[in-house]
Amino acid sequence: MKNLIPKELKVGGRIFKVKQPHDSKQNAWGSVLYNSSEILIYRYGLKPLEKASKQTMEESFIHETIHAIDFVYNYDSLPEKVVGRLAEGLYQVLKDNFTIKAKGR
């Protein structure tokens, strides 16, 4: 997975613009702005000046993507804890299965 985070993400009939790295003073690694159809992946996170690693930004993108899917298809009803666990699991599956190259290629 060379570049997991695209500039745009289509979910249902909506196109979300993905902005990263985005500066914020929020107590989070990312967020979805439903009214403006934006996914923000923050450069700094939970502690002041704690810079996000590439892995943290990719995990945050997956997390916010699940929120966007939940919003479009499920009326924003998944609890944050469920979104977090799904994001961790999906990120691990993507990393483990899509970075392996077949021998001889």
PDB file of N, CA and C in Angstrom:
ATOM      1  N   MET A   1       0.847  -1.174   0.000  1.00  0.00           N
ATOM      2  CA  MET A   1       0.000   0.000   0.000  1.00  0.00           C
ATOM      3  C   MET A   1       0.889   1.233   0.000  1.00  0.00           C
ATOM      4  N   LYS A   2       1.194   1.717  -1.169  1.00  0.00           N
ATOM      5  CA  LYS A   2       2.064   2.872  -1.256  1.00  0.00           C
ATOM      6  C   LYS A   2       1.373   4.133  -0.759  1.00  0.00           C
ATOM      7  N   ASN A   3       0.180   4.405  -1.282  1.00  0.00           N
ATOM      8  CA  ASN A   3      -0.531   5.601  -0.866  1.00  0.00           C
ATOM      9  C   ASN A   3      -1.975   5.239  -0.578  1.00  0.00           C
ATOM     10  N   LEU A   4      -2.266   4.995   0.671  1.00  0.00           N
ATOM     11  CA  LEU A   4      -3.602   4.590   1.081  1.00  0.00           C
ATOM     12  C   LEU A   4      -4.577   5.757   1.047  1.00  0.00           C
ATOM     13  N   ILE A   5      -4.110   6.962   1.231  1.00  0.00           N
ATOM     14  CA  ILE A   5      -5.000   8.103   1.398  1.00  0.00           C
ATOM     15  C   ILE A   5      -5.151   8.860   0.083  1.00  0.00           C
ATOM     16  N   PRO A   6      -6.357   8.797  -0.521  1.00  0.00           N
ATOM     17  CA  PRO A   6      -6.595   9.517  -1.772  1.00  0.00           C
ATOM     18  C   PRO A   6      -6.960  10.983  -1.516  1.00  0.00           C
ATOM     19  N   LYS A   7      -7.045  11.767  -2.578  1.00  0.00           N
ATOM     20  CA  LYS A   7      -7.451  13.171  -2.456  1.00  0.00           C
ATOM     21  C   LYS A   7      -8.966  13.305  -2.371  1.00  0.00           C
ATOM     22  N   GLU A   8      -9.680  12.321  -2.912  1.00  0.00           N
ATOM     23  CA  GLU A   8     -11.136  12.281  -2.851  1.00  0.00           C
ATOM     24  C   GLU A   8     -11.589  10.859  -2.578  1.00  0.00           C
ATOM     25  N   LEU A   9     -12.768  10.748  -1.971  1.00  0.00           N
ATOM     26  CA  LEU A   9     -13.330   9.444  -1.662  1.00  0.00           C
ATOM     27  C   LEU A   9     -14.824   9.496  -1.956  1.00  0.00           C
ATOM     28  N   LYS A  10     -15.289   8.608  -2.821  1.00  0.00           N
ATOM     29  CA  LYS A  10     -16.709   8.554  -3.138  1.00  0.00           C
ATOM     30  C   LYS A  10     -17.384   7.527  -2.246  1.00  0.00           C
ATOM     31  N   VAL A  11     -18.402   7.963  -1.532  1.00  0.00           N
ATOM     32  CA  VAL A  11     -19.191   7.083  -0.668  1.00  0.00           C
ATOM     33  C   VAL A  11     -20.649   7.292  -1.063  1.00  0.00           C
ATOM     34  N   GLY A  12     -21.252   6.272  -1.659  1.00  0.00           N
ATOM     35  CA  GLY A  12     -22.609   6.427  -2.169  1.00  0.00           C
ATOM     36  C   GLY A  12     -22.605   7.516  -3.233  1.00  0.00           C
ATOM     37  N   GLY A  13     -23.499   8.445  -3.117  1.00  0.00           N
ATOM     38  CA  GLY A  13     -23.575   9.543  -4.063  1.00  0.00           C
ATOM     39  C   GLY A  13     -22.771  10.766  -3.665  1.00  0.00           C
ATOM     40  N   ARG A  14     -22.018  10.681  -2.583  1.00  0.00           N
ATOM     41  CA  ARG A  14     -21.245  11.833  -2.095  1.00  0.00           C
ATOM     42  C   ARG A  14     -19.773  11.669  -2.415  1.00  0.00           C
ATOM     43  N   ILE A  15     -19.148  12.782  -2.713  1.00  0.00           N
ATOM     44  CA  ILE A  15     -17.698  12.798  -2.885  1.00  0.00           C
ATOM     45  C   ILE A  15     -17.115  13.625  -1.744  1.00  0.00           C
ATOM     46  N   PHE A  16     -16.289  12.973  -0.939  1.00  0.00           N
ATOM     47  CA  PHE A  16     -15.626  13.631   0.183  1.00  0.00           C
ATOM     48  C   PHE A  16     -14.232  14.055  -0.266  1.00  0.00           C
ATOM     49  N   LYS A  17     -13.881  15.307  -0.057  1.00  0.00           N
ATOM     50  CA  LYS A  17     -12.512  15.771  -0.290  1.00  0.00           C
ATOM     51  C   LYS A  17     -11.700  15.380   0.944  1.00  0.00           C
ATOM     52  N   VAL A  18     -10.536  14.816   0.715  1.00  0.00           N
ATOM     53  CA  VAL A  18      -9.674  14.381   1.814  1.00  0.00           C
ATOM     54  C   VAL A  18      -8.541  15.388   1.948  1.00  0.00           C
ATOM     55  N   LYS A  19      -8.437  15.981   3.132  1.00  0.00           N
ATOM     56  CA  LYS A  19      -7.402  16.973   3.393  1.00  0.00           C
ATOM     57  C   LYS A  19      -6.458  16.423   4.446  1.00  0.00           C
ATOM     58  N   GLN A  20      -5.187  16.244   4.028  1.00  0.00           N
ATOM     59  CA  GLN A  20      -4.171  15.738   4.941  1.00  0.00           C
ATOM     60  C   GLN A  20      -2.791  16.133   4.457  1.00  0.00           C
ATOM     61  N   PRO A  21      -1.866  16.390   5.311  1.00  0.00           N
ATOM     62  CA  PRO A  21      -2.100  16.561   6.748  1.00  0.00           C
ATOM     63  C   PRO A  21      -2.742  17.914   7.014  1.00  0.00           C
ATOM     64  N   HIS A  22      -3.684  17.921   7.893  1.00  0.00           N
ATOM     65  CA  HIS A  22      -4.463  19.106   8.214  1.00  0.00           C
ATOM     66  C   HIS A  22      -4.146  19.506   9.652  1.00  0.00           C
ATOM     67  N   ASP A  23      -3.901  20.784   9.875  1.00  0.00           N
ATOM     68  CA  ASP A  23      -3.612  21.248  11.235  1.00  0.00           C
ATOM     69  C   ASP A  23      -4.916  21.484  11.997  1.00  0.00           C
ATOM     70  N   SER A  24      -4.943  21.049  13.232  1.00  0.00           N
ATOM     71  CA  SER A  24      -6.123  21.219  14.058  1.00  0.00           C
ATOM     72  C   SER A  24      -5.722  21.217  15.523  1.00  0.00           C
ATOM     73  N   LYS A  25      -6.562  21.808  16.323  1.00  0.00           N
ATOM     74  CA  LYS A  25      -6.362  21.770  17.773  1.00  0.00           C
ATOM     75  C   LYS A  25      -7.379  20.833  18.415  1.00  0.00           C
ATOM     76  N   GLN A  26      -7.978  19.978  17.610  1.00  0.00           N
ATOM     77  CA  GLN A  26      -8.946  19.009  18.114  1.00  0.00           C
ATOM     78  C   GLN A  26      -8.219  17.923  18.906  1.00  0.00           C
ATOM     79  N   ASN A  27      -8.918  17.283  19.775  1.00  0.00           N
ATOM     80  CA  ASN A  27      -8.368  16.176  20.552  1.00  0.00           C
ATOM     81  C   ASN A  27      -8.658  14.866  19.813  1.00  0.00           C
ATOM     82  N   ALA A  28      -8.153  14.787  18.578  1.00  0.00           N
ATOM     83  CA  ALA A  28      -8.408  13.618  17.741  1.00  0.00           C
ATOM     84  C   ALA A  28      -7.362  13.573  16.639  1.00  0.00           C
ATOM     85  N   TRP A  29      -7.355  12.475  15.890  1.00  0.00           N
ATOM     86  CA  TRP A  29      -6.445  12.345  14.748  1.00  0.00           C
ATOM     87  C   TRP A  29      -7.127  12.676  13.436  1.00  0.00           C
ATOM     88  N   GLY A  30      -8.451  12.769  13.428  1.00  0.00           N
ATOM     89  CA  GLY A  30      -9.166  13.091  12.205  1.00  0.00           C
ATOM     90  C   GLY A  30     -10.624  13.366  12.476  1.00  0.00           C
ATOM     91  N   SER A  31     -11.328  13.826  11.446  1.00  0.00           N
ATOM     92  CA  SER A  31     -12.760  14.052  11.582  1.00  0.00           C
ATOM     93  C   SER A  31     -13.410  14.096  10.205  1.00  0.00           C
ATOM     94  N   VAL A  32     -14.732  13.936  10.200  1.00  0.00           N
ATOM     95  CA  VAL A  32     -15.523  14.052   8.981  1.00  0.00           C
ATOM     96  C   VAL A  32     -16.433  15.258   9.149  1.00  0.00           C
ATOM     97  N   LEU A  33     -16.424  16.136   8.161  1.00  0.00           N
ATOM     98  CA  LEU A  33     -17.340  17.281   8.134  1.00  0.00           C
ATOM     99  C   LEU A  33     -18.419  16.937   7.113  1.00  0.00           C
ATOM    100  N   TYR A  34     -19.587  16.523   7.612  1.00  0.00           N
ATOM    101  CA  TYR A  34     -20.638  16.030   6.724  1.00  0.00           C
ATOM    102  C   TYR A  34     -21.230  17.143   5.868  1.00  0.00           C
ATOM    103  N   ASN A  35     -21.416  18.334   6.417  1.00  0.00           N
ATOM    104  CA  ASN A  35     -22.034  19.427   5.664  1.00  0.00           C
ATOM    105  C   ASN A  35     -21.192  19.856   4.469  1.00  0.00           C
ATOM    106  N   SER A  36     -19.881  19.850   4.612  1.00  0.00           N
ATOM    107  CA  SER A  36     -19.000  20.250   3.511  1.00  0.00           C
ATOM    108  C   SER A  36     -18.375  19.054   2.795  1.00  0.00           C
ATOM    109  N   SER A  37     -18.739  17.847   3.198  1.00  0.00           N
ATOM    110  CA  SER A  37     -18.220  16.608   2.600  1.00  0.00           C
ATOM    111  C   SER A  37     -16.697  16.596   2.560  1.00  0.00           C
ATOM    112  N   GLU A  38     -16.096  16.717   3.750  1.00  0.00           N
ATOM    113  CA  GLU A  38     -14.645  16.686   3.872  1.00  0.00           C
ATOM    114  C   GLU A  38     -14.233  15.669   4.919  1.00  0.00           C
ATOM    115  N   ILE A  39     -13.116  15.010   4.659  1.00  0.00           N
ATOM    116  CA  ILE A  39     -12.459  14.157   5.643  1.00  0.00           C
ATOM    117  C   ILE A  39     -11.136  14.834   5.953  1.00  0.00           C
ATOM    118  N   LEU A  40     -10.917  15.137   7.218  1.00  0.00           N
ATOM    119  CA  LEU A  40      -9.693  15.806   7.651  1.00  0.00           C
ATOM    120  C   LEU A  40      -8.833  14.811   8.424  1.00  0.00           C
ATOM    121  N   ILE A  41      -7.581  14.693   8.035  1.00  0.00           N
ATOM    122  CA  ILE A  41      -6.620  13.852   8.744  1.00  0.00           C
ATOM    123  C   ILE A  41      -5.587  14.806   9.339  1.00  0.00           C
ATOM    124  N   TYR A  42      -5.495  14.818  10.649  1.00  0.00           N
ATOM    125  CA  TYR A  42      -4.688  15.826  11.336  1.00  0.00           C
ATOM    126  C   TYR A  42      -3.213  15.461  11.428  1.00  0.00           C
ATOM    127  N   ARG A  43      -2.405  16.485  11.366  1.00  0.00           N
ATOM    128  CA  ARG A  43      -0.951  16.350  11.488  1.00  0.00           C
ATOM    129  C   ARG A  43      -0.553  16.132  12.954  1.00  0.00           C
ATOM    130  N   TYR A  44      -1.280  16.764  13.847  1.00  0.00           N
ATOM    131  CA  TYR A  44      -0.976  16.663  15.277  1.00  0.00           C
ATOM    132  C   TYR A  44      -2.178  16.081  15.990  1.00  0.00           C
ATOM    133  N   GLY A  45      -1.924  15.317  17.042  1.00  0.00           N
ATOM    134  CA  GLY A  45      -2.998  14.559  17.642  1.00  0.00           C
ATOM    135  C   GLY A  45      -3.331  14.873  19.068  1.00  0.00           C
ATOM    136  N   LEU A  46      -3.346  13.838  19.861  1.00  0.00           N
ATOM    137  CA  LEU A  46      -3.919  13.878  21.194  1.00  0.00           C
ATOM    138  C   LEU A  46      -3.113  14.699  22.190  1.00  0.00           C
ATOM    139  N   LYS A  47      -1.813  14.773  22.004  1.00  0.00           N
ATOM    140  CA  LYS A  47      -0.961  15.560  22.894  1.00  0.00           C
ATOM    141  C   LYS A  47      -0.419  16.741  22.103  1.00  0.00           C
ATOM    142  N   PRO A  48      -0.152  17.858  22.747  1.00  0.00           N
ATOM    143  CA  PRO A  48       0.376  19.007  22.014  1.00  0.00           C
ATOM    144  C   PRO A  48       1.647  18.638  21.255  1.00  0.00           C
ATOM    145  N   LEU A  49       1.669  18.990  19.993  1.00  0.00           N
ATOM    146  CA  LEU A  49       2.803  18.773  19.101  1.00  0.00           C
ATOM    147  C   LEU A  49       3.193  17.308  18.914  1.00  0.00           C
ATOM    148  N   GLU A  50       2.274  16.394  19.180  1.00  0.00           N
ATOM    149  CA  GLU A  50       2.514  14.970  18.929  1.00  0.00           C
ATOM    150  C   GLU A  50       2.230  14.730  17.443  1.00  0.00           C
ATOM    151  N   LYS A  51       3.274  14.627  16.648  1.00  0.00           N
ATOM    152  CA  LYS A  51       3.114  14.510  15.202  1.00  0.00           C
ATOM    153  C   LYS A  51       2.674  13.103  14.818  1.00  0.00           C
ATOM    154  N   ALA A  52       1.719  13.037  13.895  1.00  0.00           N
ATOM    155  CA  ALA A  52       1.185  11.756  13.452  1.00  0.00           C
ATOM    156  C   ALA A  52       2.177  11.044  12.541  1.00  0.00           C
ATOM    157  N   SER A  53       2.342   9.755  12.761  1.00  0.00           N
ATOM    158  CA  SER A  53       3.153   8.935  11.865  1.00  0.00           C
ATOM    159  C   SER A  53       2.326   8.598  10.631  1.00  0.00           C
ATOM    160  N   LYS A  54       2.974   8.055   9.608  1.00  0.00           N
ATOM    161  CA  LYS A  54       2.256   7.626   8.403  1.00  0.00           C
ATOM    162  C   LYS A  54       1.192   6.595   8.774  1.00  0.00           C
ATOM    163  N   GLN A  55       1.545   5.663   9.646  1.00  0.00           N
ATOM    164  CA  GLN A  55       0.593   4.639  10.072  1.00  0.00           C
ATOM    165  C   GLN A  55      -0.604   5.259  10.780  1.00  0.00           C
ATOM    166  N   THR A  56      -0.359   6.208  11.662  1.00  0.00           N
ATOM    167  CA  THR A  56      -1.455   6.860  12.385  1.00  0.00           C
ATOM    168  C   THR A  56      -2.380   7.584  11.420  1.00  0.00           C
ATOM    169  N   MET A  57      -1.807   8.244  10.424  1.00  0.00           N
ATOM    170  CA  MET A  57      -2.626   8.961   9.449  1.00  0.00           C
ATOM    171  C   MET A  57      -3.439   7.982   8.592  1.00  0.00           C
ATOM    172  N   GLU A  58      -2.835   6.860   8.218  1.00  0.00           N
ATOM    173  CA  GLU A  58      -3.574   5.856   7.443  1.00  0.00           C
ATOM    174  C   GLU A  58      -4.697   5.242   8.274  1.00  0.00           C
ATOM    175  N   GLU A  59      -4.413   4.904   9.522  1.00  0.00           N
ATOM    176  CA  GLU A  59      -5.445   4.361  10.405  1.00  0.00           C
ATOM    177  C   GLU A  59      -6.571   5.368  10.597  1.00  0.00           C
ATOM    178  N   SER A  60      -6.209   6.631  10.738  1.00  0.00           N
ATOM    179  CA  SER A  60      -7.215   7.686  10.905  1.00  0.00           C
ATOM    180  C   SER A  60      -8.082   7.816   9.664  1.00  0.00           C
ATOM    181  N   PHE A  61      -7.461   7.691   8.498  1.00  0.00           N
ATOM    182  CA  PHE A  61      -8.228   7.752   7.253  1.00  0.00           C
ATOM    183  C   PHE A  61      -9.252   6.618   7.204  1.00  0.00           C
ATOM    184  N   ILE A  62      -8.844   5.396   7.533  1.00  0.00           N
ATOM    185  CA  ILE A  62      -9.774   4.259   7.554  1.00  0.00           C
ATOM    186  C   ILE A  62     -10.894   4.534   8.554  1.00  0.00           C
ATOM    187  N   HIS A  63     -10.543   5.019   9.728  1.00  0.00           N
ATOM    188  CA  HIS A  63     -11.523   5.322  10.776  1.00  0.00           C
ATOM    189  C   HIS A  63     -12.556   6.333  10.268  1.00  0.00           C
ATOM    190  N   GLU A  64     -12.083   7.422   9.688  1.00  0.00           N
ATOM    191  CA  GLU A  64     -12.994   8.467   9.209  1.00  0.00           C
ATOM    192  C   GLU A  64     -13.792   7.994   8.002  1.00  0.00           C
ATOM    193  N   THR A  65     -13.207   7.093   7.190  1.00  0.00           N
ATOM    194  CA  THR A  65     -13.945   6.507   6.068  1.00  0.00           C
ATOM    195  C   THR A  65     -15.122   5.685   6.579  1.00  0.00           C
ATOM    196  N   ILE A  66     -14.914   4.927   7.647  1.00  0.00           N
ATOM    197  CA  ILE A  66     -16.018   4.146   8.231  1.00  0.00           C
ATOM    198  C   ILE A  66     -17.099   5.084   8.753  1.00  0.00           C
ATOM    199  N   HIS A  67     -16.712   6.200   9.365  1.00  0.00           N
ATOM    200  CA  HIS A  67     -17.716   7.189   9.788  1.00  0.00           C
ATOM    201  C   HIS A  67     -18.507   7.704   8.585  1.00  0.00           C
ATOM    202  N   ALA A  68     -17.826   7.991   7.474  1.00  0.00           N
ATOM    203  CA  ALA A  68     -18.505   8.496   6.279  1.00  0.00           C
ATOM    204  C   ALA A  68     -19.474   7.446   5.726  1.00  0.00           C
ATOM    205  N   ILE A  69     -19.039   6.193   5.677  1.00  0.00           N
ATOM    206  CA  ILE A  69     -19.909   5.107   5.213  1.00  0.00           C
ATOM    207  C   ILE A  69     -21.118   4.972   6.132  1.00  0.00           C
ATOM    208  N   ASP A  70     -20.874   5.022   7.428  1.00  0.00           N
ATOM    209  CA  ASP A  70     -21.952   4.944   8.415  1.00  0.00           C
ATOM    210  C   ASP A  70     -22.940   6.092   8.238  1.00  0.00           C
ATOM    211  N   PHE A  71     -22.442   7.284   7.986  1.00  0.00           N
ATOM    212  CA  PHE A  71     -23.300   8.452   7.794  1.00  0.00           C
ATOM    213  C   PHE A  71     -24.174   8.293   6.544  1.00  0.00           C
ATOM    214  N   VAL A  72     -23.575   7.869   5.446  1.00  0.00           N
ATOM    215  CA  VAL A  72     -24.300   7.773   4.173  1.00  0.00           C
ATOM    216  C   VAL A  72     -25.283   6.607   4.166  1.00  0.00           C
ATOM    217  N   TYR A  73     -24.867   5.459   4.685  1.00  0.00           N
ATOM    218  CA  TYR A  73     -25.687   4.256   4.557  1.00  0.00           C
ATOM    219  C   TYR A  73     -26.421   3.826   5.822  1.00  0.00           C
ATOM    220  N   ASN A  74     -26.029   4.350   6.964  1.00  0.00           N
ATOM    221  CA  ASN A  74     -26.539   3.805   8.224  1.00  0.00           C
ATOM    222  C   ASN A  74     -27.048   4.891   9.168  1.00  0.00           C
ATOM    223  N   TYR A  75     -27.245   6.094   8.666  1.00  0.00           N
ATOM    224  CA  TYR A  75     -27.777   7.207   9.466  1.00  0.00           C
ATOM    225  C   TYR A  75     -26.913   7.548  10.668  1.00  0.00           C
ATOM    226  N   ASP A  76     -25.598   7.342  10.537  1.00  0.00           N
ATOM    227  CA  ASP A  76     -24.645   7.732  11.588  1.00  0.00           C
ATOM    228  C   ASP A  76     -24.988   7.085  12.927  1.00  0.00           C
ATOM    229  N   SER A  77     -25.201   5.767  12.900  1.00  0.00           N
ATOM    230  CA  SER A  77     -25.671   5.106  14.118  1.00  0.00           C
ATOM    231  C   SER A  77     -24.642   4.209  14.812  1.00  0.00           C
ATOM    232  N   LEU A  78     -23.463   4.009  14.220  1.00  0.00           N
ATOM    233  CA  LEU A  78     -22.471   3.156  14.877  1.00  0.00           C
ATOM    234  C   LEU A  78     -21.812   3.888  16.043  1.00  0.00           C
ATOM    235  N   PRO A  79     -21.676   3.230  17.189  1.00  0.00           N
ATOM    236  CA  PRO A  79     -20.957   3.846  18.303  1.00  0.00           C
ATOM    237  C   PRO A  79     -19.472   4.024  17.964  1.00  0.00           C
ATOM    238  N   GLU A  80     -18.850   5.018  18.544  1.00  0.00           N
ATOM    239  CA  GLU A  80     -17.436   5.322  18.285  1.00  0.00           C
ATOM    240  C   GLU A  80     -16.536   4.117  18.550  1.00  0.00           C
ATOM    241  N   LYS A  81     -16.832   3.374  19.589  1.00  0.00           N
ATOM    242  CA  LYS A  81     -16.020   2.196  19.923  1.00  0.00           C
ATOM    243  C   LYS A  81     -16.073   1.159  18.797  1.00  0.00           C
ATOM    244  N   VAL A  82     -17.223   0.956  18.201  1.00  0.00           N
ATOM    245  CA  VAL A  82     -17.373   0.002  17.102  1.00  0.00           C
ATOM    246  C   VAL A  82     -16.607   0.497  15.877  1.00  0.00           C
ATOM    247  N   VAL A  83     -16.729   1.789  15.569  1.00  0.00           N
ATOM    248  CA  VAL A  83     -15.992   2.365  14.442  1.00  0.00           C
ATOM    249  C   VAL A  83     -14.493   2.164  14.648  1.00  0.00           C
ATOM    250  N   GLY A  84     -14.015   2.412  15.851  1.00  0.00           N
ATOM    251  CA  GLY A  84     -12.600   2.248  16.160  1.00  0.00           C
ATOM    252  C   GLY A  84     -12.106   0.835  15.952  1.00  0.00           C
ATOM    253  N   ARG A  85     -12.862  -0.130  16.424  1.00  0.00           N
ATOM    254  CA  ARG A  85     -12.453  -1.534  16.289  1.00  0.00           C
ATOM    255  C   ARG A  85     -12.502  -1.981  14.828  1.00  0.00           C
ATOM    256  N   LEU A  86     -13.550  -1.576  14.098  1.00  0.00           N
ATOM    257  CA  LEU A  86     -13.633  -1.911  12.675  1.00  0.00           C
ATOM    258  C   LEU A  86     -12.458  -1.301  11.911  1.00  0.00           C
ATOM    259  N   ALA A  87     -12.112  -0.072  12.227  1.00  0.00           N
ATOM    260  CA  ALA A  87     -11.009   0.611  11.549  1.00  0.00           C
ATOM    261  C   ALA A  87      -9.681  -0.103  11.806  1.00  0.00           C
ATOM    262  N   GLU A  88      -9.435  -0.488  13.044  1.00  0.00           N
ATOM    263  CA  GLU A  88      -8.202  -1.200  13.370  1.00  0.00           C
ATOM    264  C   GLU A  88      -8.123  -2.528  12.615  1.00  0.00           C
ATOM    265  N   GLY A  89      -9.225  -3.259  12.597  1.00  0.00           N
ATOM    266  CA  GLY A  89      -9.246  -4.550  11.911  1.00  0.00           C
ATOM    267  C   GLY A  89      -9.079  -4.407  10.411  1.00  0.00           C
ATOM    268  N   LEU A  90      -9.777  -3.463   9.806  1.00  0.00           N
ATOM    269  CA  LEU A  90      -9.677  -3.259   8.368  1.00  0.00           C
ATOM    270  C   LEU A  90      -8.281  -2.782   7.977  1.00  0.00           C
ATOM    271  N   TYR A  91      -7.712  -1.889   8.767  1.00  0.00           N
ATOM    272  CA  TYR A  91      -6.359  -1.412   8.473  1.00  0.00           C
ATOM    273  C   TYR A  91      -5.370  -2.578   8.500  1.00  0.00           C
ATOM    274  N   GLN A  92      -5.479  -3.430   9.498  1.00  0.00           N
ATOM    275  CA  GLN A  92      -4.571  -4.579   9.616  1.00  0.00           C
ATOM    276  C   GLN A  92      -4.729  -5.512   8.426  1.00  0.00           C
ATOM    277  N   VAL A  93      -5.962  -5.798   8.003  1.00  0.00           N
ATOM    278  CA  VAL A  93      -6.196  -6.678   6.861  1.00  0.00           C
ATOM    279  C   VAL A  93      -5.607  -6.072   5.589  1.00  0.00           C
ATOM    280  N   LEU A  94      -5.803  -4.779   5.375  1.00  0.00           N
ATOM    281  CA  LEU A  94      -5.257  -4.111   4.189  1.00  0.00           C
ATOM    282  C   LEU A  94      -3.729  -4.136   4.199  1.00  0.00           C
ATOM    283  N   LYS A  95      -3.141  -3.810   5.324  1.00  0.00           N
ATOM    284  CA  LYS A  95      -1.677  -3.796   5.428  1.00  0.00           C
ATOM    285  C   LYS A  95      -1.093  -5.196   5.221  1.00  0.00           C
ATOM    286  N   ASP A  96      -1.703  -6.198   5.836  1.00  0.00           N
ATOM    287  CA  ASP A  96      -1.165  -7.559   5.762  1.00  0.00           C
ATOM    288  C   ASP A  96      -1.368  -8.214   4.401  1.00  0.00           C
ATOM    289  N   ASN A  97      -2.399  -7.840   3.684  1.00  0.00           N
ATOM    290  CA  ASN A  97      -2.736  -8.549   2.459  1.00  0.00           C
ATOM    291  C   ASN A  97      -2.443  -7.802   1.165  1.00  0.00           C
ATOM    292  N   PHE A  98      -2.217  -6.514   1.229  1.00  0.00           N
ATOM    293  CA  PHE A  98      -2.016  -5.771  -0.004  1.00  0.00           C
ATOM    294  C   PHE A  98      -0.629  -5.170  -0.125  1.00  0.00           C
ATOM    295  N   THR A  99       0.289  -5.569   0.748  1.00  0.00           N
ATOM    296  CA  THR A  99       1.669  -5.128   0.614  1.00  0.00           C
ATOM    297  C   THR A  99       2.568  -6.264   0.184  1.00  0.00           C
ATOM    298  N   ILE A 100       2.050  -7.469   0.170  1.00  0.00           N
ATOM    299  CA  ILE A 100       2.834  -8.642  -0.178  1.00  0.00           C
ATOM    300  C   ILE A 100       2.921  -8.758  -1.702  1.00  0.00           C
ATOM    301  N   LYS A 101       4.125  -8.859  -2.217  1.00  0.00           N
ATOM    302  CA  LYS A 101       4.320  -9.014  -3.655  1.00  0.00           C
ATOM    303  C   LYS A 101       4.625 -10.466  -3.956  1.00  0.00           C
ATOM    304  N   ALA A 102       4.043 -10.965  -5.040  1.00  0.00           N
ATOM    305  CA  ALA A 102       4.321 -12.343  -5.451  1.00  0.00           C
ATOM    306  C   ALA A 102       5.750 -12.468  -5.922  1.00  0.00           C
ATOM    307  N   LYS A 103       6.376 -13.604  -5.644  1.00  0.00           N
ATOM    308  CA  LYS A 103       7.752 -13.840  -6.088  1.00  0.00           C
ATOM    309  C   LYS A 103       7.815 -13.845  -7.600  1.00  0.00           C
ATOM    310  N   GLY A 104       8.875 -13.279  -8.139  1.00  0.00           N
ATOM    311  CA  GLY A 104       9.067 -13.271  -9.581  1.00  0.00           C
ATOM    312  C   GLY A 104       8.382 -12.127 -10.301  1.00  0.00           C
ATOM    313  N   ARG A 105       7.755 -11.211  -9.567  1.00  0.00           N
ATOM    314  CA  ARG A 105       7.083 -10.079 -10.205  1.00  0.00           C
ATOM    315  C   ARG A 105       7.774  -8.788  -9.902  1.00  0.00           C
TER     316      ARG A 105
END
